[in-house]
Amino acid sequence: MSTGLIILLIVIAAVVVVGAATLVVRSRGRHGGSSLKRRFGPEYERAVALHDGDTKAAERELAERVERHGDLRERPLDGAERQRYADRWTAVQEHFVESPREAVAEADRLLAELAAVRGYPDGGRYEEQLAALSVHHPEHVDGYRQVHRAARPGVGGGADESGAGTEELRSALLGARALFDELTSTEPGRHRAPAGAERPAPAAATHSHARSHTPWAPHRSRPKES
């Protein structure tokens, strides 16, 4: 076999190897993107929007979240813990009737505490905790984001009386309830819609009515003695 033919065969082999490697890389890239989109759902679309439509940048961010938090294993709650958190959430919802902003702030703190108890980063590192939650609860993590934003001073004007401010706070609490249900569920990984979300809570209610029938309570609350 001539030297020229040997060189030609080597060149052809090298081209084939490079071509195959390129196809593998492209295939992995496409698969990674579609995999991230399936995994993150609404969080994927949000990330793309935040990156002004740059899907590659959004996917890099989401892939980094998976790298940091994908191996996290949630610590289970025992029955007594689950009931204590359910009772506290019911109290938050009842408090909303009298003090919407304070109730939303309580819900924000309660979710941060609950997530930390389940094994997520401490609530003092909100952004990192949110990123970890987005990996494991992507369908409902935005509810936490909403309630955290609504709990900040200066958000939702008119929150102490019926109107747009109160409705904004009410919507935030409804969204947060979905994540609360996820974190207290006995079925890990099951994403559920917020109970009662299909029928909005009344715009206003009397104090006595709210105590006996809180619109979004996860468990039936016992009427308090008057």
C-alpha atoms as a PDB file:
ATOM      1  CA  MET A   1       0.000   0.000   0.000  1.00  0.00           C
ATOM      2  CA  SER A   2       1.438   3.353  -1.019  1.00  0.00           C
ATOM      3  CA  THR A   3       2.232   6.079   1.466  1.00  0.00           C
ATOM      4  CA  GLY A   4      -0.232   8.409  -0.247  1.00  0.00           C
ATOM      5  CA  LEU A   5      -3.090   5.899   0.122  1.00  0.00           C
ATOM      6  CA  ILE A   6      -2.275   5.368   3.795  1.00  0.00           C
ATOM      7  CA  ILE A   7      -2.359   9.124   4.417  1.00  0.00           C
ATOM      8  CA  LEU A   8      -5.681   9.388   2.574  1.00  0.00           C
ATOM      9  CA  LEU A   9      -7.199   6.618   4.701  1.00  0.00           C
ATOM     10  CA  ILE A  10      -5.974   8.299   7.886  1.00  0.00           C
ATOM     11  CA  VAL A  11      -7.509  11.606   6.813  1.00  0.00           C
ATOM     12  CA  ILE A  12     -10.833   9.907   5.984  1.00  0.00           C
ATOM     13  CA  ALA A  13     -10.847   8.129   9.353  1.00  0.00           C
ATOM     14  CA  ALA A  14     -10.140  11.374  11.163  1.00  0.00           C
ATOM     15  CA  VAL A  15     -12.994  13.129   9.355  1.00  0.00           C
ATOM     16  CA  VAL A  16     -15.365  10.304  10.261  1.00  0.00           C
ATOM     17  CA  VAL A  17     -14.345  10.437  13.943  1.00  0.00           C
ATOM     18  CA  VAL A  18     -14.726  14.227  14.117  1.00  0.00           C
ATOM     19  CA  GLY A  19     -18.106  14.040  12.388  1.00  0.00           C
ATOM     20  CA  ALA A  20     -19.352  11.361  14.777  1.00  0.00           C
ATOM     21  CA  ALA A  21     -18.158  13.350  17.787  1.00  0.00           C
ATOM     22  CA  THR A  22     -19.938  16.445  16.510  1.00  0.00           C
ATOM     23  CA  LEU A  23     -23.177  14.523  16.099  1.00  0.00           C
ATOM     24  CA  VAL A  24     -22.885  13.146  19.627  1.00  0.00           C
ATOM     25  CA  VAL A  25     -22.333  16.615  21.088  1.00  0.00           C
ATOM     26  CA  ARG A  26     -25.248  18.057  19.164  1.00  0.00           C
ATOM     27  CA  SER A  27     -27.467  15.156  20.167  1.00  0.00           C
ATOM     28  CA  ARG A  28     -26.553  15.631  23.813  1.00  0.00           C
ATOM     29  CA  GLY A  29     -27.249  19.342  23.566  1.00  0.00           C
ATOM     30  CA  ARG A  30     -30.685  18.780  22.087  1.00  0.00           C
ATOM     31  CA  HIS A  31     -31.466  16.078  24.615  1.00  0.00           C
ATOM     32  CA  GLY A  32     -30.228  18.228  27.484  1.00  0.00           C
ATOM     33  CA  GLY A  33     -32.452  21.108  26.437  1.00  0.00           C
ATOM     34  CA  SER A  34     -35.558  18.983  26.058  1.00  0.00           C
ATOM     35  CA  SER A  35     -34.775  17.164  29.294  1.00  0.00           C
ATOM     36  CA  LEU A  36     -34.440  20.431  31.189  1.00  0.00           C
ATOM     37  CA  LYS A  37     -37.657  21.718  29.664  1.00  0.00           C
ATOM     38  CA  ARG A  38     -39.522  18.600  30.798  1.00  0.00           C
ATOM     39  CA  ARG A  39     -37.970  18.710  34.242  1.00  0.00           C
ATOM     40  CA  PHE A  40     -38.521  22.391  34.995  1.00  0.00           C
ATOM     41  CA  GLY A  41     -41.755  23.099  33.129  1.00  0.00           C
ATOM     42  CA  PRO A  42     -42.856  26.666  33.970  1.00  0.00           C
ATOM     43  CA  GLU A  43     -39.467  27.403  35.565  1.00  0.00           C
ATOM     44  CA  TYR A  44     -37.838  26.687  32.196  1.00  0.00           C
ATOM     45  CA  GLU A  45     -40.025  29.256  30.454  1.00  0.00           C
ATOM     46  CA  ARG A  46     -39.398  31.754  33.234  1.00  0.00           C
ATOM     47  CA  ALA A  47     -35.622  31.283  32.958  1.00  0.00           C
ATOM     48  CA  VAL A  48     -35.744  31.796  29.188  1.00  0.00           C
ATOM     49  CA  ALA A  49     -37.782  34.978  29.652  1.00  0.00           C
ATOM     50  CA  LEU A  50     -35.337  36.298  32.263  1.00  0.00           C
ATOM     51  CA  HIS A  51     -32.501  35.702  29.792  1.00  0.00           C
ATOM     52  CA  ASP A  52     -34.375  37.642  27.077  1.00  0.00           C
ATOM     53  CA  GLY A  53     -35.122  34.525  25.056  1.00  0.00           C
ATOM     54  CA  ASP A  54     -31.560  33.161  25.175  1.00  0.00           C
ATOM     55  CA  THR A  55     -32.315  29.458  25.661  1.00  0.00           C
ATOM     56  CA  LYS A  56     -28.635  28.479  25.919  1.00  0.00           C
ATOM     57  CA  ALA A  57     -28.057  30.875  28.811  1.00  0.00           C
ATOM     58  CA  ALA A  58     -31.259  29.752  30.510  1.00  0.00           C
ATOM     59  CA  GLU A  59     -30.319  26.091  30.140  1.00  0.00           C
ATOM     60  CA  ARG A  60     -26.858  26.748  31.564  1.00  0.00           C
ATOM     61  CA  GLU A  61     -28.456  28.316  34.628  1.00  0.00           C
ATOM     62  CA  LEU A  62     -30.939  25.456  35.070  1.00  0.00           C
ATOM     63  CA  ALA A  63     -28.236  22.836  34.525  1.00  0.00           C
ATOM     64  CA  GLU A  64     -26.167  24.504  37.256  1.00  0.00           C
ATOM     65  CA  ARG A  65     -29.141  24.273  39.620  1.00  0.00           C
ATOM     66  CA  VAL A  66     -29.436  20.552  38.919  1.00  0.00           C
ATOM     67  CA  GLU A  67     -25.702  20.124  39.434  1.00  0.00           C
ATOM     68  CA  ARG A  68     -25.858  21.860  42.831  1.00  0.00           C
ATOM     69  CA  HIS A  69     -29.115  20.456  44.156  1.00  0.00           C
ATOM     70  CA  GLY A  70     -30.131  17.456  42.066  1.00  0.00           C
ATOM     71  CA  ASP A  71     -28.826  14.932  44.597  1.00  0.00           C
ATOM     72  CA  LEU A  72     -30.684  16.497  47.528  1.00  0.00           C
ATOM     73  CA  ARG A  73     -32.916  14.041  49.360  1.00  0.00           C
ATOM     74  CA  GLU A  74     -35.817  15.459  51.306  1.00  0.00           C
ATOM     75  CA  ARG A  75     -36.025  14.530  54.967  1.00  0.00           C
ATOM     76  CA  PRO A  76     -39.467  13.053  55.635  1.00  0.00           C
ATOM     77  CA  LEU A  77     -41.851  14.596  58.159  1.00  0.00           C
ATOM     78  CA  ASP A  78     -43.430  12.434  60.794  1.00  0.00           C
ATOM     79  CA  GLY A  79     -47.145  12.633  61.461  1.00  0.00           C
ATOM     80  CA  ALA A  80     -46.831  14.990  64.419  1.00  0.00           C
ATOM     81  CA  GLU A  81     -44.623  17.417  62.475  1.00  0.00           C
ATOM     82  CA  ARG A  82     -46.985  17.371  59.522  1.00  0.00           C
ATOM     83  CA  GLN A  83     -49.944  18.159  61.770  1.00  0.00           C
ATOM     84  CA  ARG A  84     -48.115  21.009  63.515  1.00  0.00           C
ATOM     85  CA  TYR A  85     -47.299  22.630  60.181  1.00  0.00           C
ATOM     86  CA  ALA A  86     -50.856  22.114  58.950  1.00  0.00           C
ATOM     87  CA  ASP A  87     -52.210  23.807  62.082  1.00  0.00           C
ATOM     88  CA  ARG A  88     -49.821  26.705  61.666  1.00  0.00           C
ATOM     89  CA  TRP A  89     -50.833  27.155  58.029  1.00  0.00           C
ATOM     90  CA  THR A  90     -54.502  27.160  59.010  1.00  0.00           C
ATOM     91  CA  ALA A  91     -53.740  29.861  61.585  1.00  0.00           C
ATOM     92  CA  VAL A  92     -51.984  31.919  58.900  1.00  0.00           C
ATOM     93  CA  GLN A  93     -55.017  31.723  56.647  1.00  0.00           C
ATOM     94  CA  GLU A  94     -57.365  32.710  59.449  1.00  0.00           C
ATOM     95  CA  HIS A  95     -55.084  35.622  60.322  1.00  0.00           C
ATOM     96  CA  PHE A  96     -55.335  36.823  56.713  1.00  0.00           C
ATOM     97  CA  VAL A  97     -58.897  38.074  57.291  1.00  0.00           C
ATOM     98  CA  GLU A  98     -57.745  40.587  59.906  1.00  0.00           C
ATOM     99  CA  SER A  99     -54.173  41.324  58.725  1.00  0.00           C
ATOM    100  CA  PRO A 100     -53.445  40.235  55.139  1.00  0.00           C
ATOM    101  CA  ARG A 101     -49.900  41.584  55.007  1.00  0.00           C
ATOM    102  CA  GLU A 102     -48.881  40.077  58.345  1.00  0.00           C
ATOM    103  CA  ALA A 103     -50.388  36.735  57.328  1.00  0.00           C
ATOM    104  CA  VAL A 104     -48.444  36.718  54.060  1.00  0.00           C
ATOM    105  CA  ALA A 105     -45.229  37.506  55.932  1.00  0.00           C
ATOM    106  CA  GLU A 106     -45.991  34.616  58.296  1.00  0.00           C
ATOM    107  CA  ALA A 107     -46.566  32.310  55.317  1.00  0.00           C
ATOM    108  CA  ASP A 108     -43.220  33.373  53.837  1.00  0.00           C
ATOM    109  CA  ARG A 109     -41.411  32.576  57.095  1.00  0.00           C
ATOM    110  CA  LEU A 110     -43.297  29.306  57.507  1.00  0.00           C
ATOM    111  CA  LEU A 111     -42.341  28.084  54.025  1.00  0.00           C
ATOM    112  CA  ALA A 112     -38.697  29.011  54.620  1.00  0.00           C
ATOM    113  CA  GLU A 113     -38.695  27.079  57.893  1.00  0.00           C
ATOM    114  CA  LEU A 114     -40.519  24.084  56.438  1.00  0.00           C
ATOM    115  CA  ALA A 115     -38.163  23.859  53.453  1.00  0.00           C
ATOM    116  CA  ALA A 116     -35.141  23.954  55.770  1.00  0.00           C
ATOM    117  CA  VAL A 117     -36.639  21.194  57.933  1.00  0.00           C
ATOM    118  CA  ARG A 118     -37.119  19.083  54.798  1.00  0.00           C
ATOM    119  CA  GLY A 119     -33.394  19.397  54.051  1.00  0.00           C
ATOM    120  CA  TYR A 120     -33.194  22.405  51.720  1.00  0.00           C
ATOM    121  CA  PRO A 121     -30.710  25.260  52.274  1.00  0.00           C
ATOM    122  CA  ASP A 122     -31.554  27.448  55.254  1.00  0.00           C
ATOM    123  CA  GLY A 123     -34.156  30.158  54.713  1.00  0.00           C
ATOM    124  CA  GLY A 124     -31.542  32.793  55.462  1.00  0.00           C
ATOM    125  CA  ARG A 125     -30.125  31.963  52.025  1.00  0.00           C
ATOM    126  CA  TYR A 126     -33.375  32.630  50.197  1.00  0.00           C
ATOM    127  CA  GLU A 127     -32.018  32.570  46.633  1.00  0.00           C
ATOM    128  CA  GLU A 128     -30.182  29.293  47.181  1.00  0.00           C
ATOM    129  CA  GLN A 129     -33.191  27.760  48.909  1.00  0.00           C
ATOM    130  CA  LEU A 130     -35.419  28.876  46.034  1.00  0.00           C
ATOM    131  CA  ALA A 131     -33.018  27.400  43.467  1.00  0.00           C
ATOM    132  CA  ALA A 132     -32.994  24.050  45.277  1.00  0.00           C
ATOM    133  CA  LEU A 133     -36.778  24.004  45.557  1.00  0.00           C
ATOM    134  CA  SER A 134     -37.066  24.783  41.837  1.00  0.00           C
ATOM    135  CA  VAL A 135     -35.166  21.575  41.038  1.00  0.00           C
ATOM    136  CA  HIS A 136     -37.491  19.350  43.059  1.00  0.00           C
ATOM    137  CA  HIS A 137     -40.787  21.287  43.002  1.00  0.00           C
ATOM    138  CA  PRO A 138     -40.667  23.265  39.732  1.00  0.00           C
ATOM    139  CA  GLU A 139     -44.436  23.333  39.249  1.00  0.00           C
ATOM    140  CA  HIS A 140     -45.104  25.199  42.493  1.00  0.00           C
ATOM    141  CA  VAL A 141     -41.913  26.996  43.519  1.00  0.00           C
ATOM    142  CA  ASP A 142     -43.130  30.247  41.961  1.00  0.00           C
ATOM    143  CA  GLY A 143     -45.767  30.393  44.714  1.00  0.00           C
ATOM    144  CA  TYR A 144     -42.952  30.794  47.237  1.00  0.00           C
ATOM    145  CA  ARG A 145     -41.386  33.462  45.053  1.00  0.00           C
ATOM    146  CA  GLN A 146     -44.695  35.360  44.918  1.00  0.00           C
ATOM    147  CA  VAL A 147     -45.373  35.229  48.640  1.00  0.00           C
ATOM    148  CA  HIS A 148     -41.790  36.276  49.434  1.00  0.00           C
ATOM    149  CA  ARG A 149     -42.111  39.249  47.103  1.00  0.00           C
ATOM    150  CA  ALA A 150     -45.546  40.176  48.468  1.00  0.00           C
ATOM    151  CA  ALA A 151     -44.272  40.000  52.051  1.00  0.00           C
ATOM    152  CA  ARG A 152     -41.770  42.786  51.457  1.00  0.00           C
ATOM    153  CA  PRO A 153     -42.736  46.258  52.709  1.00  0.00           C
ATOM    154  CA  GLY A 154     -44.261  48.514  50.090  1.00  0.00           C
ATOM    155  CA  VAL A 155     -45.753  45.706  47.975  1.00  0.00           C
ATOM    156  CA  GLY A 156     -49.494  45.513  47.436  1.00  0.00           C
ATOM    157  CA  GLY A 157     -50.878  48.871  48.448  1.00  0.00           C
ATOM    158  CA  GLY A 158     -54.244  48.862  50.212  1.00  0.00           C
ATOM    159  CA  ALA A 159     -53.534  45.506  51.804  1.00  0.00           C
ATOM    160  CA  ASP A 160     -55.463  46.316  54.953  1.00  0.00           C
ATOM    161  CA  GLU A 161     -58.730  46.862  53.138  1.00  0.00           C
ATOM    162  CA  SER A 162     -60.547  45.190  50.268  1.00  0.00           C
ATOM    163  CA  GLY A 163     -59.127  46.085  46.882  1.00  0.00           C
ATOM    164  CA  ALA A 164     -56.270  45.307  44.490  1.00  0.00           C
ATOM    165  CA  GLY A 165     -53.664  45.132  47.244  1.00  0.00           C
ATOM    166  CA  THR A 166     -55.585  42.552  49.238  1.00  0.00           C
ATOM    167  CA  GLU A 167     -56.254  40.488  46.136  1.00  0.00           C
ATOM    168  CA  GLU A 168     -52.564  40.507  45.256  1.00  0.00           C
ATOM    169  CA  LEU A 169     -51.732  39.209  48.725  1.00  0.00           C
ATOM    170  CA  ARG A 170     -54.531  36.662  48.548  1.00  0.00           C
ATOM    171  CA  SER A 171     -53.231  35.379  45.199  1.00  0.00           C
ATOM    172  CA  ALA A 172     -49.720  35.092  46.634  1.00  0.00           C
ATOM    173  CA  LEU A 173     -51.007  33.080  49.587  1.00  0.00           C
ATOM    174  CA  LEU A 174     -52.941  30.759  47.278  1.00  0.00           C
ATOM    175  CA  GLY A 175     -49.816  30.146  45.215  1.00  0.00           C
ATOM    176  CA  ALA A 176     -47.723  29.496  48.310  1.00  0.00           C
ATOM    177  CA  ARG A 177     -50.306  27.002  49.532  1.00  0.00           C
ATOM    178  CA  ALA A 178     -49.498  24.741  46.576  1.00  0.00           C
ATOM    179  CA  LEU A 179     -45.840  24.478  47.600  1.00  0.00           C
ATOM    180  CA  PHE A 180     -46.849  24.011  51.234  1.00  0.00           C
ATOM    181  CA  ASP A 181     -48.986  21.035  50.173  1.00  0.00           C
ATOM    182  CA  GLU A 182     -46.023  19.592  48.296  1.00  0.00           C
ATOM    183  CA  LEU A 183     -43.653  19.931  51.223  1.00  0.00           C
ATOM    184  CA  THR A 184     -46.098  18.357  53.676  1.00  0.00           C
ATOM    185  CA  SER A 185     -47.333  15.642  51.312  1.00  0.00           C
ATOM    186  CA  THR A 186     -46.957  11.995  52.273  1.00  0.00           C
ATOM    187  CA  GLU A 187     -46.348  11.223  48.596  1.00  0.00           C
ATOM    188  CA  PRO A 188     -42.877  12.602  47.679  1.00  0.00           C
ATOM    189  CA  GLY A 189     -42.576  14.170  44.242  1.00  0.00           C
ATOM    190  CA  ARG A 190     -46.293  14.390  43.612  1.00  0.00           C
ATOM    191  CA  HIS A 191     -47.112  17.812  42.188  1.00  0.00           C
ATOM    192  CA  ARG A 192     -50.614  18.898  43.082  1.00  0.00           C
ATOM    193  CA  ALA A 193     -52.636  21.948  42.206  1.00  0.00           C
ATOM    194  CA  PRO A 194     -53.573  24.142  45.174  1.00  0.00           C
ATOM    195  CA  ALA A 195     -56.764  22.946  46.808  1.00  0.00           C
ATOM    196  CA  GLY A 196     -59.603  25.348  46.236  1.00  0.00           C
ATOM    197  CA  ALA A 197     -57.722  27.203  43.493  1.00  0.00           C
ATOM    198  CA  GLU A 198     -60.518  26.494  41.039  1.00  0.00           C
ATOM    199  CA  ARG A 199     -62.862  28.720  43.005  1.00  0.00           C
ATOM    200  CA  PRO A 200     -61.411  32.019  44.251  1.00  0.00           C
ATOM    201  CA  ALA A 201     -61.858  32.961  47.874  1.00  0.00           C
ATOM    202  CA  PRO A 202     -64.480  35.637  48.575  1.00  0.00           C
ATOM    203  CA  ALA A 203     -63.186  39.188  48.316  1.00  0.00           C
ATOM    204  CA  ALA A 204     -64.304  39.946  51.859  1.00  0.00           C
ATOM    205  CA  ALA A 205     -65.645  37.995  54.771  1.00  0.00           C
ATOM    206  CA  THR A 206     -66.784  38.682  58.275  1.00  0.00           C
ATOM    207  CA  HIS A 207     -64.534  37.783  61.179  1.00  0.00           C
ATOM    208  CA  SER A 208     -66.900  35.140  62.527  1.00  0.00           C
ATOM    209  CA  HIS A 209     -67.424  33.499  59.135  1.00  0.00           C
ATOM    210  CA  ALA A 210     -63.681  33.287  58.458  1.00  0.00           C
ATOM    211  CA  ARG A 211     -63.060  31.472  61.717  1.00  0.00           C
ATOM    212  CA  SER A 212     -65.547  28.721  60.903  1.00  0.00           C
ATOM    213  CA  HIS A 213     -64.847  28.492  57.172  1.00  0.00           C
ATOM    214  CA  THR A 214     -61.402  29.624  56.102  1.00  0.00           C
ATOM    215  CA  PRO A 215     -61.433  29.464  52.255  1.00  0.00           C
ATOM    216  CA  TRP A 216     -58.043  27.856  51.686  1.00  0.00           C
ATOM    217  CA  ALA A 217     -57.451  25.830  54.867  1.00  0.00           C
ATOM    218  CA  PRO A 218     -55.613  22.537  54.128  1.00  0.00           C
ATOM    219  CA  HIS A 219     -57.502  20.816  56.917  1.00  0.00           C
ATOM    220  CA  ARG A 220     -60.897  21.558  58.350  1.00  0.00           C
ATOM    221  CA  SER A 221     -60.349  23.945  61.226  1.00  0.00           C
ATOM    222  CA  ARG A 222     -62.331  23.640  64.405  1.00  0.00           C
ATOM    223  CA  PRO A 223     -64.727  26.543  65.034  1.00  0.00           C
ATOM    224  CA  LYS A 224     -63.489  28.696  67.894  1.00  0.00           C
ATOM    225  CA  GLU A 225     -65.693  29.499  70.791  1.00  0.00           C
ATOM    226  CA  SER A 226     -67.116  33.023  70.734  1.00  0.00           C
END
